[in-house]
Amino acid sequence: MAKLHLNGKKSKSRMKRQIEFFNALSDGTRQKILMMLEGREMCVSELVDAFKVRQPTISHHLSILKNAGLVEDRKAGQQVYYSLDKAWLKKCCCDFLGMYECCSNYFKKKKKP
C-alpha cells in the first residue's frame, strides 16, 4: 500500500494544482473548448461563434483554463489566440493518476538505456 503524505509544502502545492486542474475540467463547455484547441489555436471570436454565446462568457471560461495552466495565449493585433498546453495537460493527468498504486505502474518514468 502506498504511503500518503499530506503534510509537506510540496504535497499541499501539488494538491492545490490538482484541485485547480479538475475544477477547470468540471465544466462541459471548458472540456469542449480544450478539445477544439487540441486541433489548432483559435481566437476568442472563433470560440464565441462555435458556442453561440457572448464573448464575456467565453473569456470567463478561458480565464479559468488559463489559470489552471491548460491553455496559453498570444496576442496578435487586437485578437487573442488560445492554444492547448498539451504538455501540462499530460503532466497533470499523469501526476494525479500516478498517486494511486493501481495506476502508478503506467506512469513510472522509463529508464534510458
Protein backbone atom coordinates (compact mmCIF):
# COMPACT_ATOMS: atom_id res chain seq x y z
CA MET A 1 0.00 0.00 0.00
CA ALA A 2 1.34 3.43 -0.93
CA LYS A 3 2.03 5.88 1.86
CA LEU A 4 0.13 9.13 1.72
CA HIS A 5 1.99 12.22 2.89
CA LEU A 6 -0.29 15.22 3.16
CA ASN A 7 1.86 17.38 5.37
CA GLY A 8 4.67 18.92 3.35
CA LYS A 9 4.60 22.12 1.40
CA LYS A 10 5.24 20.21 -1.81
CA SER A 11 2.23 17.90 -1.40
CA LYS A 12 -0.07 20.82 -0.49
CA SER A 13 1.08 22.70 -3.56
CA ARG A 14 0.55 19.59 -5.69
CA MET A 15 -2.94 19.12 -4.29
CA LYS A 16 -3.80 22.76 -4.94
CA ARG A 17 -2.71 22.43 -8.59
CA GLN A 18 -4.77 19.27 -8.98
CA ILE A 19 -7.86 20.89 -7.47
CA GLU A 20 -7.48 23.85 -9.83
CA PHE A 21 -6.95 21.45 -12.74
CA PHE A 22 -10.07 19.39 -12.02
CA ASN A 23 -12.14 22.47 -11.26
CA ALA A 24 -11.26 23.76 -14.73
CA LEU A 25 -12.31 20.41 -16.23
CA SER A 26 -15.56 20.23 -14.26
CA ASP A 27 -17.49 22.25 -16.83
CA GLY A 28 -18.66 20.74 -20.12
CA THR A 29 -18.10 23.94 -22.08
CA ARG A 30 -14.48 24.14 -20.91
CA GLN A 31 -13.94 20.50 -21.87
CA LYS A 32 -15.28 21.24 -25.35
CA ILE A 33 -13.03 24.29 -25.63
CA LEU A 34 -10.00 22.13 -24.77
CA MET A 35 -10.99 19.55 -27.38
CA MET A 36 -11.29 22.28 -30.00
CA LEU A 37 -7.94 23.77 -29.03
CA GLU A 38 -6.26 20.39 -29.27
CA GLY A 39 -6.57 20.60 -33.04
CA ARG A 40 -5.36 24.17 -33.51
CA GLU A 41 -5.10 27.54 -31.83
CA MET A 42 -8.22 29.65 -32.03
CA CYS A 43 -9.10 33.27 -31.35
CA VAL A 44 -11.83 34.26 -28.93
CA SER A 45 -14.21 35.29 -31.71
CA GLU A 46 -13.97 31.81 -33.29
CA LEU A 47 -14.90 30.22 -29.97
CA VAL A 48 -17.77 32.68 -29.49
CA ASP A 49 -19.12 31.73 -32.92
CA ALA A 50 -18.71 28.00 -32.27
CA PHE A 51 -20.58 28.12 -28.95
CA LYS A 52 -23.09 30.80 -29.89
CA VAL A 53 -22.58 32.59 -26.56
CA ARG A 54 -21.46 36.08 -25.67
CA GLN A 55 -17.78 36.99 -25.61
CA PRO A 56 -17.62 37.59 -21.83
CA THR A 57 -18.83 34.03 -21.23
CA ILE A 58 -16.07 32.51 -23.40
CA SER A 59 -13.50 34.87 -21.85
CA HIS A 60 -14.54 33.69 -18.37
CA HIS A 61 -14.06 30.04 -19.36
CA LEU A 62 -10.71 30.82 -20.98
CA SER A 63 -9.57 32.65 -17.86
CA ILE A 64 -10.29 29.60 -15.71
CA LEU A 65 -8.47 27.34 -18.18
CA LYS A 66 -5.51 29.71 -18.30
CA ASN A 67 -5.30 29.96 -14.50
CA ALA A 68 -5.18 26.16 -14.38
CA GLY A 69 -2.34 26.22 -16.92
CA LEU A 70 -4.33 24.33 -19.53
CA VAL A 71 -4.26 27.00 -22.22
CA GLU A 72 -1.71 29.51 -23.40
CA ASP A 73 -2.49 32.76 -25.12
CA ARG A 74 -0.76 35.07 -27.55
CA LYS A 75 -1.84 38.46 -28.76
CA ALA A 76 -1.75 39.33 -32.46
CA GLY A 77 -3.02 42.84 -33.08
CA GLN A 78 -6.40 43.09 -31.40
CA GLN A 79 -7.01 39.33 -31.43
CA VAL A 80 -6.02 36.94 -28.66
CA TYR A 81 -5.29 33.39 -29.75
CA TYR A 82 -5.50 30.41 -27.41
CA SER A 83 -3.90 27.00 -27.65
CA LEU A 84 -3.96 23.87 -25.52
CA ASP A 85 -0.87 23.32 -23.39
CA LYS A 86 -0.65 19.60 -24.18
CA ALA A 87 2.44 19.03 -22.03
CA TRP A 88 0.76 20.50 -18.93
CA LEU A 89 -2.45 18.52 -19.54
CA LYS A 90 -0.45 15.31 -19.81
CA LYS A 91 1.63 16.12 -16.72
CA CYS A 92 -1.44 16.87 -14.59
CA CYS A 93 -3.19 13.69 -15.64
CA CYS A 94 -0.11 11.55 -15.07
CA ASP A 95 0.66 13.16 -11.69
CA PHE A 96 -2.88 12.61 -10.46
CA LEU A 97 -3.25 9.03 -11.64
CA GLY A 98 0.30 8.21 -10.60
CA MET A 99 -0.64 8.88 -6.98
CA TYR A 100 -2.75 5.73 -6.96
CA GLU A 101 -0.99 2.44 -6.59
CA CYS A 102 -3.32 0.72 -9.05
CA CYS A 103 -2.27 3.20 -11.77
CA SER A 104 1.28 4.06 -10.79
CA ASN A 105 2.93 1.39 -12.97
CA TYR A 106 1.54 3.09 -16.05
CA PHE A 107 3.22 6.38 -15.17
CA LYS A 108 6.65 5.34 -13.93
CA LYS A 109 9.44 7.05 -15.78
CA LYS A 110 11.25 4.63 -18.03
CA LYS A 111 14.98 4.45 -17.58
CA LYS A 112 17.04 5.40 -20.58
CA PRO A 113 19.39 2.65 -21.84
